[in-house]
Amino acid sequence: MKTWWFGNLLLFVIVVPAVNVLVNRTLTAILDNVVTLTGKLDDVPEQLVVTDEVVKQVAAGALRYAAGADKVAELH
């Protein structure tokens, strides 16, 4: 019975506070990074416009390439 009391005492005096400190440090670091990242989300709509323009240019180039490749394939 004394072993159980000693084990419970160790659990609540050493293990629980240690786990609490580690979880607190981890969550603080994560939340700091989340706050930093949310500040960078303001530029997302502008970047999406740029991405859409680049995708349209790449698609046009791919169509030109495919048309040229099709003509070369017909010659052979």
N, C-alpha and C. Protein backbone atom coordinates (compact mmCIF):
# COMPACT_ATOMS: atom_id res chain seq x y z
N MET A 1 0.82 -1.19 0.00
CA MET A 1 0.00 0.00 0.00
C MET A 1 0.86 1.26 0.00
N LYS A 2 2.00 1.18 0.73
CA LYS A 2 2.88 2.34 0.78
C LYS A 2 3.49 2.60 -0.60
N THR A 3 3.69 1.55 -1.38
CA THR A 3 4.27 1.70 -2.71
C THR A 3 3.33 2.49 -3.60
N TRP A 4 2.02 2.22 -3.48
CA TRP A 4 1.04 2.97 -4.27
C TRP A 4 1.04 4.44 -3.90
N TRP A 5 1.10 4.73 -2.62
CA TRP A 5 1.13 6.13 -2.19
C TRP A 5 2.39 6.83 -2.69
N PHE A 6 3.52 6.13 -2.62
CA PHE A 6 4.78 6.70 -3.09
C PHE A 6 4.72 6.92 -4.61
N GLY A 7 4.17 5.97 -5.33
CA GLY A 7 4.02 6.12 -6.79
C GLY A 7 3.11 7.27 -7.16
N ASN A 8 1.99 7.39 -6.47
CA ASN A 8 1.08 8.51 -6.71
C ASN A 8 1.72 9.85 -6.39
N LEU A 9 2.48 9.88 -5.30
CA LEU A 9 3.17 11.11 -4.92
C LEU A 9 4.18 11.52 -6.00
N LEU A 10 4.97 10.56 -6.49
CA LEU A 10 5.91 10.85 -7.57
C LEU A 10 5.19 11.32 -8.84
N LEU A 11 4.10 10.67 -9.13
CA LEU A 11 3.34 11.03 -10.32
C LEU A 11 2.87 12.48 -10.25
N PHE A 12 2.29 12.87 -9.15
CA PHE A 12 1.72 14.21 -9.04
C PHE A 12 2.74 15.30 -8.72
N VAL A 13 3.88 14.94 -8.16
CA VAL A 13 4.88 15.94 -7.81
C VAL A 13 5.92 16.12 -8.91
N ILE A 14 6.25 15.06 -9.64
CA ILE A 14 7.32 15.15 -10.63
C ILE A 14 6.79 15.02 -12.06
N VAL A 15 6.05 13.98 -12.34
CA VAL A 15 5.67 13.67 -13.72
C VAL A 15 4.67 14.68 -14.26
N VAL A 16 3.61 14.95 -13.55
CA VAL A 16 2.57 15.86 -14.04
C VAL A 16 3.13 17.28 -14.28
N PRO A 17 3.89 17.86 -13.37
CA PRO A 17 4.46 19.19 -13.66
C PRO A 17 5.44 19.17 -14.85
N ALA A 18 6.24 18.10 -14.96
CA ALA A 18 7.17 18.02 -16.09
C ALA A 18 6.43 17.95 -17.42
N VAL A 19 5.40 17.15 -17.47
CA VAL A 19 4.59 17.06 -18.69
C VAL A 19 3.92 18.39 -18.97
N ASN A 20 3.44 19.05 -17.95
CA ASN A 20 2.80 20.36 -18.10
C ASN A 20 3.77 21.38 -18.70
N VAL A 21 5.01 21.41 -18.20
CA VAL A 21 6.01 22.34 -18.71
C VAL A 21 6.33 22.04 -20.17
N LEU A 22 6.51 20.77 -20.50
CA LEU A 22 6.84 20.40 -21.89
C LEU A 22 5.70 20.73 -22.85
N VAL A 23 4.49 20.45 -22.46
CA VAL A 23 3.34 20.77 -23.31
C VAL A 23 3.20 22.28 -23.47
N ASN A 24 3.43 23.02 -22.40
CA ASN A 24 3.34 24.48 -22.46
C ASN A 24 4.38 25.04 -23.42
N ARG A 25 5.62 24.56 -23.35
CA ARG A 25 6.67 25.03 -24.25
C ARG A 25 6.33 24.71 -25.70
N THR A 26 5.85 23.51 -25.94
CA THR A 26 5.53 23.09 -27.30
C THR A 26 4.39 23.93 -27.87
N LEU A 27 3.33 24.10 -27.11
CA LEU A 27 2.20 24.87 -27.60
C LEU A 27 2.55 26.34 -27.80
N THR A 28 3.39 26.89 -26.94
CA THR A 28 3.82 28.28 -27.10
C THR A 28 4.59 28.46 -28.40
N ALA A 29 5.50 27.54 -28.70
CA ALA A 29 6.27 27.62 -29.95
C ALA A 29 5.35 27.49 -31.15
N ILE A 30 4.42 26.57 -31.11
CA ILE A 30 3.49 26.37 -32.23
C ILE A 30 2.64 27.61 -32.43
N LEU A 31 2.09 28.14 -31.36
CA LEU A 31 1.21 29.31 -31.48
C LEU A 31 1.96 30.54 -31.95
N ASP A 32 3.22 30.69 -31.56
CA ASP A 32 4.02 31.81 -32.07
C ASP A 32 4.20 31.71 -33.57
N ASN A 33 4.45 30.50 -34.07
CA ASN A 33 4.60 30.30 -35.51
C ASN A 33 3.28 30.51 -36.24
N VAL A 34 2.18 30.11 -35.64
CA VAL A 34 0.88 30.30 -36.27
C VAL A 34 0.57 31.79 -36.40
N VAL A 35 0.87 32.55 -35.38
CA VAL A 35 0.63 33.99 -35.42
C VAL A 35 1.49 34.63 -36.52
N THR A 36 2.72 34.20 -36.64
CA THR A 36 3.60 34.72 -37.68
C THR A 36 3.06 34.38 -39.07
N LEU A 37 2.59 33.17 -39.24
CA LEU A 37 2.07 32.75 -40.55
C LEU A 37 0.77 33.45 -40.92
N THR A 38 -0.09 33.70 -39.96
CA THR A 38 -1.35 34.36 -40.28
C THR A 38 -1.13 35.79 -40.75
N GLY A 39 -0.04 36.40 -40.32
CA GLY A 39 0.28 37.74 -40.80
C GLY A 39 0.66 37.74 -42.27
N LYS A 40 1.12 36.62 -42.78
CA LYS A 40 1.53 36.53 -44.18
C LYS A 40 0.38 36.13 -45.09
N LEU A 41 -0.77 35.85 -44.55
CA LEU A 41 -1.90 35.43 -45.38
C LEU A 41 -2.56 36.60 -46.10
N ASP A 42 -2.22 37.82 -45.74
CA ASP A 42 -2.83 38.97 -46.39
C ASP A 42 -2.43 39.06 -47.86
N ASP A 43 -1.28 38.53 -48.23
CA ASP A 43 -0.80 38.60 -49.61
C ASP A 43 -1.33 37.47 -50.49
N VAL A 44 -2.06 36.54 -49.96
CA VAL A 44 -2.50 35.38 -50.72
C VAL A 44 -3.37 35.75 -51.93
N PRO A 45 -4.38 36.60 -51.82
CA PRO A 45 -5.19 36.91 -53.01
C PRO A 45 -4.35 37.50 -54.15
N GLU A 46 -3.40 38.35 -53.83
CA GLU A 46 -2.55 38.93 -54.88
C GLU A 46 -1.69 37.83 -55.52
N GLN A 47 -1.18 36.93 -54.72
CA GLN A 47 -0.37 35.85 -55.26
C GLN A 47 -1.19 34.89 -56.11
N LEU A 48 -2.45 34.70 -55.77
CA LEU A 48 -3.32 33.84 -56.57
C LEU A 48 -3.58 34.45 -57.95
N VAL A 49 -3.70 35.77 -58.01
CA VAL A 49 -3.87 36.43 -59.31
C VAL A 49 -2.64 36.20 -60.18
N VAL A 50 -1.47 36.35 -59.60
CA VAL A 50 -0.22 36.12 -60.34
C VAL A 50 -0.15 34.67 -60.79
N THR A 51 -0.52 33.75 -59.92
CA THR A 51 -0.48 32.33 -60.26
C THR A 51 -1.43 32.02 -61.41
N ASP A 52 -2.62 32.60 -61.40
CA ASP A 52 -3.58 32.38 -62.49
C ASP A 52 -3.01 32.87 -63.82
N GLU A 53 -2.33 34.01 -63.81
CA GLU A 53 -1.74 34.54 -65.05
C GLU A 53 -0.64 33.62 -65.56
N VAL A 54 0.19 33.11 -64.67
CA VAL A 54 1.27 32.22 -65.07
C VAL A 54 0.70 30.91 -65.61
N VAL A 55 -0.34 30.40 -65.00
CA VAL A 55 -0.96 29.16 -65.48
C VAL A 55 -1.52 29.36 -66.89
N LYS A 56 -2.13 30.50 -67.15
CA LYS A 56 -2.65 30.78 -68.50
C LYS A 56 -1.52 30.85 -69.51
N GLN A 57 -0.40 31.46 -69.16
CA GLN A 57 0.74 31.54 -70.07
C GLN A 57 1.32 30.16 -70.33
N VAL A 58 1.44 29.34 -69.31
CA VAL A 58 1.97 28.00 -69.48
C VAL A 58 1.03 27.16 -70.33
N ALA A 59 -0.27 27.31 -70.12
CA ALA A 59 -1.24 26.55 -70.91
C ALA A 59 -1.15 26.95 -72.37
N ALA A 60 -1.00 28.23 -72.66
CA ALA A 60 -0.88 28.68 -74.05
C ALA A 60 0.39 28.12 -74.68
N GLY A 61 1.48 28.13 -73.96
CA GLY A 61 2.73 27.56 -74.46
C GLY A 61 2.63 26.06 -74.68
N ALA A 62 1.95 25.38 -73.79
CA ALA A 62 1.78 23.94 -73.94
C ALA A 62 0.93 23.62 -75.17
N LEU A 63 -0.09 24.42 -75.43
CA LEU A 63 -0.92 24.20 -76.62
C LEU A 63 -0.11 24.44 -77.89
N ARG A 64 0.72 25.49 -77.91
CA ARG A 64 1.57 25.74 -79.07
C ARG A 64 2.53 24.58 -79.29
N TYR A 65 3.11 24.08 -78.21
CA TYR A 65 4.04 22.96 -78.32
C TYR A 65 3.32 21.72 -78.83
N ALA A 66 2.14 21.45 -78.30
CA ALA A 66 1.41 20.26 -78.72
C ALA A 66 1.02 20.36 -80.19
N ALA A 67 0.64 21.55 -80.65
CA ALA A 67 0.29 21.71 -82.07
C ALA A 67 1.50 21.49 -82.94
N GLY A 68 2.66 22.01 -82.53
CA GLY A 68 3.88 21.78 -83.31
C GLY A 68 4.30 20.32 -83.30
N ALA A 69 4.19 19.68 -82.17
CA ALA A 69 4.54 18.26 -82.07
C ALA A 69 3.61 17.41 -82.92
N ASP A 70 2.34 17.82 -83.01
CA ASP A 70 1.36 17.10 -83.82
C ASP A 70 1.73 17.19 -85.29
N LYS A 71 2.17 18.38 -85.74
CA LYS A 71 2.57 18.54 -87.13
C LYS A 71 3.81 17.71 -87.44
N VAL A 72 4.76 17.68 -86.53
CA VAL A 72 5.97 16.87 -86.73
C VAL A 72 5.60 15.39 -86.79
N ALA A 73 4.67 14.96 -85.95
CA ALA A 73 4.26 13.57 -85.94
C ALA A 73 3.58 13.19 -87.25
N GLU A 74 2.84 14.11 -87.85
CA GLU A 74 2.16 13.83 -89.12
C GLU A 74 3.17 13.67 -90.25
N LEU A 75 4.30 14.38 -90.18
CA LEU A 75 5.30 14.30 -91.24
C LEU A 75 6.03 12.97 -91.23
N HIS A 76 6.10 12.30 -90.11
CA HIS A 76 6.85 11.04 -90.04
C HIS A 76 5.96 9.89 -90.18
